[in-house]
């Protein structure tokens, strides 16, 4: 992994605020204003609701019941007075029922008023109780004690006095009701003022919240979104090719540090681009040298295929002439020397031809075409017909795919693999098997035999040009066949290897891309 050290970039000149400010602190500052206002609003709301609930509870639970109790107490006293008067006039005790009901109701309402303790009503309540007690002791008690007898004389003497006493009750209860009414008005006013104060407080808080949000937005825009937008815009311009565009920006400390790091990346990119352009210039020079070298190689191939082989043919021809004309005059050693010369020239010619074929792989310029691989195997078997027949070999070909390849090159691959399977045979007749299997995005094609096999330690060496594992006397050949196969397979985007797990002979496998694969075709072939 290549690591490029980024150049250190100094931060631009900044204000004292931006030197101390970070994005975290900015967000905390931005959130603090609205959060404080919200907390204040919650506190004010809780206090206002608590106060309003207390005032409302006082109104509903104490003042209003006291107001109703005052009115009911007056009604109860009127019922008592009516009952006593009817009893006095008629002597009928049925008229005492309203009186007795009034007594019960009056006791209940007096208890309610006593518990209420409405502010400003204590004196009026005491006066009303005193008036009631005076009327009961001076008017009610004698009436109930003396009964109907003697009532006429009593009524004549006391009617006006009794009326005055009951009017005092009416007046004192009226005063009590007035006082309680004032208390009701006062509590309702307090409740209304509390509601109004709450509305004003929430209005002020709402305005404060809006102002704090506006301030937070301005702070974010000034110290966060605008610097980020500047950085993003500058980065886009650099990405579009304006490599001389600086991306430094003013803002919070960490954002400025980020911009400085991006600026360092830009400077490193400019430096690497300059180095890449220099390398590209050097590669252009090397490419020109390679083109010149390839041209010289093509010229060499032409010379090797024509001029270089002509002297070899002459050597072979004249050695054969020497043998035919003067063979009777030469001893066995002389004839052996001539045979060595002819064999050497023949092998040299074969090496030149194999080298030419190896160098031309991938440079023929021939168009690729979709070809059933079974047809290429059949053509290779036709070329190897004599060797197959002489060795008694059996070649089994399973259905192979149709792929887009250079037919002549793939035919050479199959021909080399089958020829090796026949050449490096064991004592039994060669059994060759060619099959294919789909493996993801490529086809894996294998050629296996029952021959002498190859040790795993030579798995890579066998694909090197001119590398041989046996002497020419044991197995003829130039040692270029598998190197040729590797070059052809790699030219088609595949790979070739020795299957080291195969133990019954030799198994060579190679892959070809699926990309232009068609339907499989062909029937098993046996020769």
Protein backbone atom coordinates (compact mmCIF):
# COMPACT_ATOMS: atom_id res chain seq x y z
CA UNK A 1 0.00 0.00 0.00
CA UNK A 2 1.42 3.36 -1.04
CA UNK A 3 1.15 6.11 1.57
CA UNK A 4 1.42 9.72 0.48
CA UNK A 5 2.36 12.22 3.16
CA UNK A 6 0.11 15.26 2.91
CA UNK A 7 1.82 18.63 3.13
CA UNK A 8 1.09 20.69 6.23
CA UNK A 9 -1.02 23.74 5.41
CA UNK A 10 -1.10 26.75 7.72
CA UNK A 11 -4.54 27.98 8.75
CA UNK A 12 -5.61 31.36 7.37
CA UNK A 13 -5.67 34.43 9.59
CA UNK A 14 -8.82 34.32 11.73
CA UNK A 15 -10.57 36.36 14.38
CA UNK A 16 -10.21 35.66 18.07
CA UNK A 17 -13.75 34.24 18.06
CA UNK A 18 -13.16 31.75 15.25
CA UNK A 19 -9.85 30.70 16.81
CA UNK A 20 -11.65 29.62 19.96
CA UNK A 21 -14.88 28.45 18.33
CA UNK A 22 -15.47 24.86 17.25
CA UNK A 23 -18.48 23.30 15.58
CA UNK A 24 -19.36 21.57 18.84
CA UNK A 25 -19.23 24.81 20.77
CA UNK A 26 -21.16 26.55 18.01
CA UNK A 27 -23.93 23.96 18.14
CA UNK A 28 -23.99 24.21 21.93
CA UNK A 29 -24.20 28.00 21.70
CA UNK A 30 -26.90 27.85 19.04
CA UNK A 31 -28.93 25.36 21.05
CA UNK A 32 -28.45 27.21 24.35
CA UNK A 33 -30.61 30.25 23.42
CA UNK A 34 -33.75 28.43 22.28
CA UNK A 35 -33.28 25.82 25.02
CA UNK A 36 -33.10 28.54 27.68
CA UNK A 37 -36.23 30.17 26.31
CA UNK A 38 -38.04 26.83 26.22
CA UNK A 39 -36.99 26.08 29.81
CA UNK A 40 -38.16 29.55 30.85
CA UNK A 41 -41.45 29.00 29.04
CA UNK A 42 -41.93 25.68 30.81
CA UNK A 43 -41.14 27.26 34.19
CA UNK A 44 -43.46 30.20 33.57
CA UNK A 45 -46.16 27.89 32.28
CA UNK A 46 -45.92 25.64 35.31
CA UNK A 47 -46.01 28.63 37.69
CA UNK A 48 -48.91 30.24 35.85
CA UNK A 49 -50.91 27.02 35.70
CA UNK A 50 -50.20 26.34 39.37
CA UNK A 51 -51.33 29.83 40.36
CA UNK A 52 -54.42 29.69 38.18
CA UNK A 53 -55.31 26.27 39.55
CA UNK A 54 -54.90 27.59 43.11
CA UNK A 55 -57.08 30.63 42.39
CA UNK A 56 -59.66 28.51 40.56
CA UNK A 57 -59.66 25.96 43.39
CA UNK A 58 -60.18 28.78 45.92
CA UNK A 59 -63.03 30.15 43.84
CA UNK A 60 -64.72 26.81 43.24
CA UNK A 61 -63.93 25.08 46.50
CA UNK A 62 -64.34 27.95 49.01
CA UNK A 63 -65.66 31.31 47.80
CA UNK A 64 -68.47 30.18 45.49
CA UNK A 65 -69.77 27.57 47.99
CA UNK A 66 -69.71 30.29 50.67
CA UNK A 67 -71.69 32.62 48.40
CA UNK A 68 -74.31 29.90 47.76
CA UNK A 69 -74.33 29.01 51.45
CA UNK A 70 -75.11 32.64 52.39
CA UNK A 71 -78.11 32.69 50.07
CA UNK A 72 -79.35 29.30 51.29
CA UNK A 73 -78.92 30.37 54.91
CA UNK A 74 -81.24 33.33 54.30
CA UNK A 75 -83.76 30.99 52.65
CA UNK A 76 -83.52 28.59 55.60
CA UNK A 77 -84.16 31.43 58.07
CA UNK A 78 -87.18 32.60 56.06
CA UNK A 79 -88.51 29.01 56.19
CA UNK A 80 -88.01 28.97 59.97
CA UNK A 81 -89.78 32.31 60.41
CA UNK A 82 -92.67 31.18 58.20
CA UNK A 83 -93.09 27.93 60.13
CA UNK A 84 -93.00 29.66 63.55
CA UNK A 85 -95.52 32.30 62.42
CA UNK A 86 -97.97 29.68 61.11
CA UNK A 87 -97.64 27.69 64.32
CA UNK A 88 -98.31 30.82 66.39
CA UNK A 89 -101.37 31.80 64.36
CA UNK A 90 -103.02 28.38 64.07
CA UNK A 91 -101.52 26.26 66.80
CA UNK A 92 -101.19 23.50 64.17
CA UNK A 93 -97.84 21.67 64.60
CA UNK A 94 -97.75 20.78 60.89
CA UNK A 95 -96.60 24.36 60.33
CA UNK A 96 -93.40 23.48 62.25
CA UNK A 97 -92.16 21.24 59.42
CA UNK A 98 -90.77 24.19 57.36
CA UNK A 99 -89.23 25.48 60.58
CA UNK A 100 -87.52 22.15 61.35
CA UNK A 101 -86.30 21.81 57.73
CA UNK A 102 -84.98 25.36 57.91
CA UNK A 103 -83.15 24.58 61.16
CA UNK A 104 -81.35 21.62 59.48
CA UNK A 105 -80.47 23.62 56.36
CA UNK A 106 -79.32 26.60 58.44
CA UNK A 107 -76.96 24.39 60.47
CA UNK A 108 -75.46 22.96 57.29
CA UNK A 109 -74.91 26.34 55.64
CA UNK A 110 -73.48 27.81 58.87
CA UNK A 111 -70.88 25.03 58.93
CA UNK A 112 -69.98 25.73 55.28
CA UNK A 113 -69.59 29.44 56.00
CA UNK A 114 -67.55 28.73 59.14
CA UNK A 115 -65.11 26.51 57.22
CA UNK A 116 -64.85 28.88 54.25
CA UNK A 117 -63.10 31.69 56.14
CA UNK A 118 -63.73 34.05 53.24
CA UNK A 119 -61.53 37.09 53.57
CA UNK A 120 -63.43 40.20 54.77
CA UNK A 121 -66.56 38.30 55.93
CA UNK A 122 -65.67 37.30 59.50
CA UNK A 123 -67.35 40.29 61.15
CA UNK A 124 -70.46 40.05 58.97
CA UNK A 125 -70.72 36.30 59.65
CA UNK A 126 -70.37 36.86 63.42
CA UNK A 127 -73.07 39.56 63.32
CA UNK A 128 -75.40 37.30 61.33
CA UNK A 129 -74.93 34.44 63.82
CA UNK A 130 -75.61 36.81 66.71
CA UNK A 131 -78.83 38.05 65.04
CA UNK A 132 -79.94 34.47 64.43
CA UNK A 133 -79.24 33.42 68.00
CA UNK A 134 -81.05 36.51 69.37
CA UNK A 135 -84.14 35.78 67.27
CA UNK A 136 -84.10 32.10 68.25
CA UNK A 137 -83.83 32.84 71.99
CA UNK A 138 -86.28 35.77 72.05
CA UNK A 139 -88.88 34.64 69.53
CA UNK A 140 -88.63 30.97 68.65
CA UNK A 141 -87.92 29.54 72.08
CA UNK A 142 -90.92 31.22 73.82
CA UNK A 143 -93.25 30.27 70.98
CA UNK A 144 -92.25 26.64 71.16
CA UNK A 145 -92.39 26.65 74.99
CA UNK A 146 -95.78 28.28 75.60
CA UNK A 147 -97.59 26.50 72.79
CA UNK A 148 -100.92 27.70 71.36
CA UNK A 149 -102.37 28.85 74.82
CA UNK A 150 -101.79 32.46 75.54
CA UNK A 151 -100.37 33.12 72.09
CA UNK A 152 -102.76 35.88 71.32
CA UNK A 153 -101.59 38.06 74.20
CA UNK A 154 -97.99 37.26 73.33
CA UNK A 155 -98.46 38.16 69.65
CA UNK A 156 -100.04 41.44 70.52
CA UNK A 157 -97.08 42.46 72.62
CA UNK A 158 -94.20 41.02 70.59
CA UNK A 159 -95.09 41.10 66.89
CA UNK A 160 -93.29 44.31 66.13
CA UNK A 161 -90.29 43.29 68.21
CA UNK A 162 -90.07 39.90 66.46
CA UNK A 163 -90.25 41.57 63.09
CA UNK A 164 -87.43 43.90 64.04
CA UNK A 165 -85.33 40.94 65.19
CA UNK A 166 -85.91 39.04 61.95
CA UNK A 167 -85.20 42.16 59.88
CA UNK A 168 -81.86 42.31 61.72
CA UNK A 169 -81.21 38.73 60.50
CA UNK A 170 -82.11 39.74 56.95
CA UNK A 171 -79.83 42.75 57.14
CA UNK A 172 -76.88 40.84 58.61
CA UNK A 173 -77.22 38.00 56.08
CA UNK A 174 -77.53 40.57 53.28
CA UNK A 175 -74.33 42.19 54.46
CA UNK A 176 -72.65 38.75 54.60
CA UNK A 177 -73.79 37.98 51.04
CA UNK A 178 -72.48 41.36 49.92
CA UNK A 179 -69.12 40.70 51.51
CA UNK A 180 -68.94 37.24 49.96
CA UNK A 181 -69.93 38.73 46.58
CA UNK A 182 -67.04 41.17 46.89
CA UNK A 183 -64.73 38.23 47.62
CA UNK A 184 -66.07 36.39 44.55
CA UNK A 185 -65.42 39.42 42.38
CA UNK A 186 -61.95 39.78 43.88
CA UNK A 187 -61.01 36.10 43.25
CA UNK A 188 -62.44 36.16 39.72
CA UNK A 189 -60.43 39.31 39.07
CA UNK A 190 -57.30 37.61 40.35
CA UNK A 191 -58.02 34.65 38.07
CA UNK A 192 -58.52 36.95 35.07
CA UNK A 193 -55.35 38.89 35.89
CA UNK A 194 -53.40 35.65 36.18
CA UNK A 195 -54.67 34.48 32.80
CA UNK A 196 -53.81 37.84 31.24
CA UNK A 197 -50.36 37.80 32.82
CA UNK A 198 -49.82 34.27 31.51
CA UNK A 199 -50.78 35.34 28.00
CA UNK A 200 -48.42 38.31 28.16
CA UNK A 201 -45.63 36.11 29.53
CA UNK A 202 -46.08 33.53 26.78
CA UNK A 203 -46.24 36.25 24.14
CA UNK A 204 -42.95 37.66 25.38
CA UNK A 205 -41.48 34.16 25.52
CA UNK A 206 -42.72 33.45 21.98
CA UNK A 207 -41.06 36.61 20.71
CA UNK A 208 -37.89 35.70 22.60
CA UNK A 209 -37.96 32.19 21.11
CA UNK A 210 -38.37 33.57 17.60
CA UNK A 211 -35.51 36.01 18.15
CA UNK A 212 -33.30 33.27 19.61
CA UNK A 213 -34.05 31.00 16.65
CA UNK A 214 -33.24 33.81 14.24
CA UNK A 215 -30.00 34.45 16.11
CA UNK A 216 -29.21 30.72 16.04
CA UNK A 217 -29.88 30.62 12.29
CA UNK A 218 -27.63 33.62 11.70
CA UNK A 219 -24.85 32.06 13.78
CA UNK A 220 -25.15 28.77 11.92
CA UNK A 221 -25.16 30.54 8.58
CA UNK A 222 -22.16 32.69 9.48
CA UNK A 223 -19.99 30.08 11.14
CA UNK A 224 -21.19 26.74 9.74
CA UNK A 225 -23.31 26.60 6.59
CA UNK A 226 -21.52 29.38 4.68
CA UNK A 227 -17.99 28.04 5.39
CA UNK A 228 -19.19 24.51 4.54
CA UNK A 229 -20.78 25.76 1.32
CA UNK A 230 -17.56 27.60 0.44
CA UNK A 231 -15.56 24.44 1.13
CA UNK A 232 -17.94 22.26 -0.90
CA UNK A 233 -17.95 24.72 -3.81
CA UNK A 234 -14.17 24.94 -3.83
CA UNK A 235 -13.91 21.13 -3.66
CA UNK A 236 -16.28 20.82 -6.65
CA UNK A 237 -14.21 23.29 -8.64
CA UNK A 238 -11.07 21.31 -7.83
CA UNK A 239 -12.85 18.08 -8.84
CA UNK A 240 -13.85 19.71 -12.13
CA UNK A 241 -10.20 20.40 -12.91
CA UNK A 242 -9.43 23.80 -11.36
CA UNK A 243 -6.49 22.43 -9.41
CA UNK A 244 -5.11 25.89 -8.63
CA UNK A 245 -8.27 26.78 -6.66
CA UNK A 246 -7.54 27.10 -2.93
CA UNK A 247 -10.11 25.51 -0.63
CA UNK A 248 -9.09 27.30 2.59
CA UNK A 249 -11.98 28.95 4.41
CA UNK A 250 -12.62 30.94 7.57
CA UNK A 251 -14.82 29.40 10.21
CA UNK A 252 -14.71 27.40 13.44
CA UNK A 253 -11.38 25.85 14.35
CA UNK A 254 -12.19 22.26 13.39
CA UNK A 255 -13.85 23.31 10.13
CA UNK A 256 -10.83 25.44 9.25
CA UNK A 257 -8.61 22.44 10.08
CA UNK A 258 -10.73 20.27 7.79
CA UNK A 259 -10.38 22.84 5.00
CA UNK A 260 -6.61 22.90 5.61
CA UNK A 261 -6.49 19.10 5.31
CA UNK A 262 -8.48 19.23 2.07
CA UNK A 263 -6.09 21.92 0.86
CA UNK A 264 -3.23 19.58 1.73
CA UNK A 265 -4.91 16.86 -0.33
CA UNK A 266 -5.26 19.31 -3.22
CA UNK A 267 -1.59 20.22 -3.04
CA UNK A 268 -0.65 16.53 -2.85
CA UNK A 269 -2.92 15.87 -5.84
CA UNK A 270 -1.25 18.67 -7.79
CA UNK A 271 2.13 17.23 -6.89
CA UNK A 272 1.11 13.69 -7.81
CA UNK A 273 -0.47 14.92 -11.04
CA UNK A 274 2.74 16.68 -11.97
CA UNK A 275 4.65 13.48 -11.22
CA UNK A 276 2.09 11.48 -13.23
CA UNK A 277 2.49 13.81 -16.19
CA UNK A 278 6.24 13.45 -15.97
CA UNK A 279 5.82 9.68 -15.79
CA UNK A 280 3.42 9.83 -18.73
CA UNK A 281 6.02 11.69 -20.74
CA UNK A 282 8.55 9.03 -19.84
CA UNK A 283 6.06 6.31 -20.74
CA UNK A 284 5.47 8.00 -24.09
CA UNK A 285 9.21 7.78 -24.74
CA UNK A 286 9.23 4.14 -23.64
CA UNK A 287 6.14 3.43 -25.82
CA UNK A 288 7.95 4.95 -28.78
CA UNK A 289 10.96 2.76 -28.01
CA UNK A 290 8.65 -0.28 -27.75
CA UNK A 291 7.02 0.53 -31.07
CA UNK A 292 10.46 0.83 -32.63
CA UNK A 293 11.52 -2.40 -30.97
CA UNK A 294 8.38 -4.18 -32.19
CA UNK A 295 9.07 -2.95 -35.67
CA UNK A 296 12.59 -4.31 -35.42
CA UNK A 297 11.21 -7.61 -34.10
CA UNK A 298 8.85 -7.82 -37.05
CA UNK A 299 11.77 -7.24 -39.35
CA UNK A 300 13.70 -9.93 -37.47
CA UNK A 301 10.76 -12.32 -37.85
CA UNK A 302 10.77 -11.67 -41.58
CA UNK A 303 14.51 -12.28 -41.78
CA UNK A 304 14.19 -15.40 -39.61
CA UNK A 305 11.36 -16.77 -41.73
CA UNK A 306 13.15 -16.19 -45.02
CA UNK A 307 16.83 -15.28 -44.93
CA UNK A 308 17.76 -17.23 -41.77
CA UNK A 309 16.09 -20.44 -42.87
CA UNK A 310 17.67 -20.43 -46.33
CA UNK A 311 21.23 -21.19 -45.03
CA UNK A 312 19.75 -23.94 -42.82
CA UNK A 313 18.09 -25.52 -45.83
CA UNK A 314 21.39 -25.36 -47.71
CA UNK A 315 23.26 -26.99 -44.84
CA UNK A 316 20.69 -29.76 -44.73
CA UNK A 317 20.68 -30.21 -48.53
CA UNK A 318 24.48 -30.31 -48.93
CA UNK A 319 24.88 -32.68 -45.97
CA UNK A 320 22.37 -34.99 -47.58
CA UNK A 321 24.27 -34.67 -50.93
CA UNK A 322 27.52 -35.58 -49.17
CA UNK A 323 25.85 -38.65 -47.72
CA UNK A 324 24.36 -39.73 -51.05
CA UNK A 325 27.49 -39.18 -53.19
CA UNK A 326 30.29 -40.02 -50.81
CA UNK A 327 28.54 -42.23 -48.34
CA UNK A 328 30.40 -45.29 -49.59
CA UNK A 329 33.75 -43.53 -49.08
CA UNK A 330 32.98 -42.47 -45.47
CA UNK A 331 33.33 -44.64 -42.44
CA UNK A 332 30.63 -45.04 -39.85
CA UNK A 333 31.83 -42.02 -37.85
CA UNK A 334 31.73 -39.76 -40.92
CA UNK A 335 28.19 -40.81 -41.66
CA UNK A 336 27.32 -40.14 -38.01
CA UNK A 337 28.75 -36.63 -38.25
CA UNK A 338 26.65 -35.92 -41.33
CA UNK A 339 23.57 -37.21 -39.48
CA UNK A 340 24.36 -34.92 -36.54
CA UNK A 341 24.68 -31.94 -38.88
CA UNK A 342 21.38 -32.71 -40.64
CA UNK A 343 19.58 -33.24 -37.29
CA UNK A 344 21.00 -30.01 -35.86
CA UNK A 345 19.97 -27.98 -38.88
CA UNK A 346 16.49 -29.55 -38.85
CA UNK A 347 16.05 -28.79 -35.14
CA UNK A 348 17.32 -25.26 -35.68
CA UNK A 349 14.74 -24.77 -38.41
CA UNK A 350 12.01 -26.13 -36.12
CA UNK A 351 13.11 -23.81 -33.32
CA UNK A 352 12.98 -20.82 -35.66
CA UNK A 353 9.47 -21.79 -36.79
CA UNK A 354 8.30 -22.27 -33.18
CA UNK A 355 9.81 -18.95 -32.15
CA UNK A 356 8.05 -17.21 -35.02
CA UNK A 357 4.75 -18.78 -34.01
CA UNK A 358 5.31 -17.80 -30.35
CA UNK A 359 6.12 -14.19 -31.23
CA UNK A 360 3.07 -13.86 -33.46
CA UNK A 361 0.54 -14.81 -30.76
CA UNK A 362 -1.75 -11.82 -30.24
CA UNK A 363 -0.16 -9.86 -33.09
CA UNK A 364 -1.77 -11.52 -36.07
CA UNK A 365 -4.62 -8.97 -36.21
CA UNK A 366 -7.08 -11.72 -37.08
CA UNK A 367 -10.72 -11.11 -36.10
CA UNK A 368 -12.31 -13.21 -33.39
CA UNK A 369 -15.42 -15.22 -34.14
CA UNK A 370 -17.93 -17.38 -32.31
CA UNK A 371 -16.74 -20.97 -32.78
CA UNK A 372 -17.91 -24.21 -31.14
CA UNK A 373 -14.85 -25.49 -29.31
CA UNK A 374 -15.79 -29.07 -30.27
CA UNK A 375 -15.04 -28.13 -33.88
CA UNK A 376 -11.57 -26.84 -32.93
CA UNK A 377 -10.85 -30.08 -31.04
CA UNK A 378 -12.00 -32.11 -34.07
CA UNK A 379 -9.68 -30.08 -36.33
CA UNK A 380 -6.76 -30.62 -33.92
CA UNK A 381 -7.47 -34.39 -33.88
CA UNK A 382 -7.47 -34.38 -37.67
CA UNK A 383 -4.00 -32.81 -37.68
CA UNK A 384 -2.82 -35.42 -35.15
CA UNK A 385 -4.49 -38.33 -36.96
CA UNK A 386 -1.30 -40.29 -37.62
CA UNK A 387 -0.04 -39.90 -34.03
CA UNK A 388 -3.44 -40.90 -32.60
CA UNK A 389 -3.63 -43.95 -34.84
CA UNK A 390 -0.02 -45.01 -34.20
CA UNK A 391 -0.37 -44.77 -30.42
CA UNK A 392 -3.80 -46.38 -30.26
CA UNK A 393 -5.05 -43.38 -28.28
CA UNK A 394 -8.69 -42.86 -27.33
CA UNK A 395 -9.78 -39.20 -27.14
CA UNK A 396 -13.14 -38.48 -25.48
CA UNK A 397 -14.54 -34.98 -25.95
CA UNK A 398 -17.49 -33.87 -23.85
CA UNK A 399 -19.82 -31.07 -25.04
CA UNK A 400 -17.88 -27.81 -25.05
CA UNK A 401 -19.26 -24.24 -25.20
CA UNK A 402 -19.32 -21.95 -28.18
CA UNK A 403 -17.06 -18.95 -27.48
CA UNK A 404 -15.79 -15.93 -29.34
CA UNK A 405 -12.07 -16.63 -29.88
CA UNK A 406 -9.30 -16.68 -32.51
CA UNK A 407 -9.95 -20.16 -33.91
CA UNK A 408 -6.41 -20.86 -35.14
CA UNK A 409 -4.89 -20.04 -31.74
CA UNK A 410 -7.34 -22.15 -29.68
CA UNK A 411 -6.91 -24.98 -32.17
CA UNK A 412 -3.17 -24.83 -31.48
CA UNK A 413 -3.85 -25.05 -27.71
CA UNK A 414 -5.92 -28.22 -28.06
CA UNK A 415 -3.38 -29.67 -30.54
CA UNK A 416 -0.48 -29.08 -28.12
CA UNK A 417 -2.33 -30.56 -25.11
CA UNK A 418 -3.48 -33.67 -27.01
CA UNK A 419 -0.02 -34.11 -28.58
CA UNK A 420 1.61 -33.95 -25.13
CA UNK A 421 -0.89 -36.48 -23.77
CA UNK A 422 0.06 -38.89 -26.58
CA UNK A 423 3.80 -38.15 -26.43
CA UNK A 424 4.26 -38.56 -22.68
CA UNK A 425 2.38 -41.85 -22.52
CA UNK A 426 2.81 -44.71 -20.10
CA UNK A 427 2.83 -48.37 -21.06
CA UNK A 428 -0.92 -48.49 -21.64
CA UNK A 429 -2.58 -46.90 -24.67
CA UNK A 430 -3.25 -43.17 -24.12
CA UNK A 431 -6.67 -42.26 -22.76
CA UNK A 432 -7.39 -38.55 -23.31
CA UNK A 433 -10.48 -36.75 -21.98
CA UNK A 434 -11.50 -33.15 -22.75
CA UNK A 435 -14.39 -31.56 -20.83
CA UNK A 436 -15.66 -28.17 -19.69
CA UNK A 437 -17.55 -26.80 -16.67
CA UNK A 438 -19.04 -23.37 -16.01
CA UNK A 439 -17.39 -21.53 -13.08
CA UNK A 440 -19.01 -18.13 -12.51
CA UNK A 441 -18.05 -15.77 -15.32
CA UNK A 442 -15.68 -18.17 -17.04
CA UNK A 443 -15.50 -21.65 -18.51
CA UNK A 444 -12.93 -24.10 -17.15
CA UNK A 445 -11.70 -26.55 -19.77
CA UNK A 446 -9.51 -29.52 -18.80
CA UNK A 447 -7.52 -32.09 -20.78
CA UNK A 448 -6.61 -35.16 -18.72
CA UNK A 449 -4.66 -38.28 -19.64
CA UNK A 450 -3.29 -41.51 -18.16
CA UNK A 451 0.34 -40.74 -19.01
CA UNK A 452 3.51 -40.47 -16.93
CA UNK A 453 2.34 -37.33 -15.16
CA UNK A 454 4.27 -34.26 -13.95
CA UNK A 455 5.58 -33.66 -10.45
CA UNK A 456 4.01 -30.72 -8.60
CA UNK A 457 7.42 -29.06 -8.18
CA UNK A 458 7.55 -28.49 -11.95
CA UNK A 459 4.04 -26.96 -12.13
CA UNK A 460 5.40 -23.52 -13.12
CA UNK A 461 8.58 -24.53 -14.91
CA UNK A 462 6.72 -26.41 -17.65
CA UNK A 463 5.20 -23.13 -18.92
CA UNK A 464 8.59 -21.42 -19.41
CA UNK A 465 9.86 -21.33 -22.98
CA UNK A 466 12.50 -23.94 -23.87
CA UNK A 467 12.21 -25.58 -20.45
CA UNK A 468 12.26 -29.38 -20.75
CA UNK A 469 11.88 -32.09 -18.11
CA UNK A 470 13.25 -34.86 -20.33
CA UNK A 471 16.07 -35.25 -22.87
CA UNK A 472 15.44 -34.90 -26.59
CA UNK A 473 16.44 -38.52 -27.04
CA UNK A 474 13.66 -39.65 -24.67
CA UNK A 475 10.96 -37.26 -25.89
CA UNK A 476 11.49 -35.08 -28.98
CA UNK A 477 10.39 -31.47 -29.14
CA UNK A 478 11.56 -27.88 -28.66
CA UNK A 479 10.04 -27.21 -25.22
CA UNK A 480 7.91 -24.34 -26.45
CA UNK A 481 4.45 -25.96 -26.65
CA UNK A 482 3.10 -25.21 -23.15
CA UNK A 483 4.64 -21.72 -23.18
CA UNK A 484 2.73 -21.16 -26.41
CA UNK A 485 -0.48 -22.45 -24.76
CA UNK A 486 -0.07 -20.07 -21.82
CA UNK A 487 0.47 -17.09 -24.11
CA UNK A 488 -2.60 -17.95 -26.20
CA UNK A 489 -4.87 -18.51 -23.17
CA UNK A 490 -3.74 -15.28 -21.47
CA UNK A 491 -4.24 -13.45 -24.77
CA UNK A 492 -7.91 -14.55 -24.55
CA UNK A 493 -8.20 -13.31 -20.94
CA UNK A 494 -7.85 -16.70 -19.25
CA UNK A 495 -5.24 -18.66 -17.30
CA UNK A 496 -3.72 -22.14 -17.55
CA UNK A 497 -2.30 -24.44 -14.87
CA UNK A 498 -1.37 -27.98 -13.94
CA UNK A 499 -3.98 -29.70 -11.76
CA UNK A 500 -1.70 -30.97 -8.99
CA UNK A 501 -4.54 -32.91 -7.32
CA UNK A 502 -4.85 -35.25 -10.34
CA UNK A 503 -2.93 -38.48 -9.68
CA UNK A 504 -3.85 -40.75 -12.62
CA UNK A 505 -1.62 -39.00 -15.15
CA UNK A 506 -1.59 -35.38 -16.23
CA UNK A 507 -4.48 -32.93 -16.12
CA UNK A 508 -4.02 -29.48 -17.74
CA UNK A 509 -6.77 -26.91 -17.18
CA UNK A 510 -7.38 -23.46 -18.60
CA UNK A 511 -10.16 -20.87 -18.44
CA UNK A 512 -11.86 -18.65 -21.00
CA UNK A 513 -14.27 -15.77 -20.25
CA UNK A 514 -18.00 -16.41 -20.59
CA UNK A 515 -18.69 -12.95 -22.02
CA UNK A 516 -19.62 -14.09 -25.54
CA UNK A 517 -20.59 -17.62 -24.59
CA UNK A 518 -23.32 -19.29 -26.61
CA UNK A 519 -25.12 -22.62 -26.16
CA UNK A 520 -23.05 -25.75 -25.68
CA UNK A 521 -22.83 -28.05 -28.64
CA UNK A 522 -21.17 -31.18 -29.88
CA UNK A 523 -21.34 -34.84 -29.05
CA UNK A 524 -18.67 -36.95 -27.32
CA UNK A 525 -15.96 -37.84 -29.78
CA UNK A 526 -13.94 -41.06 -29.68
CA UNK A 527 -10.99 -41.81 -31.91
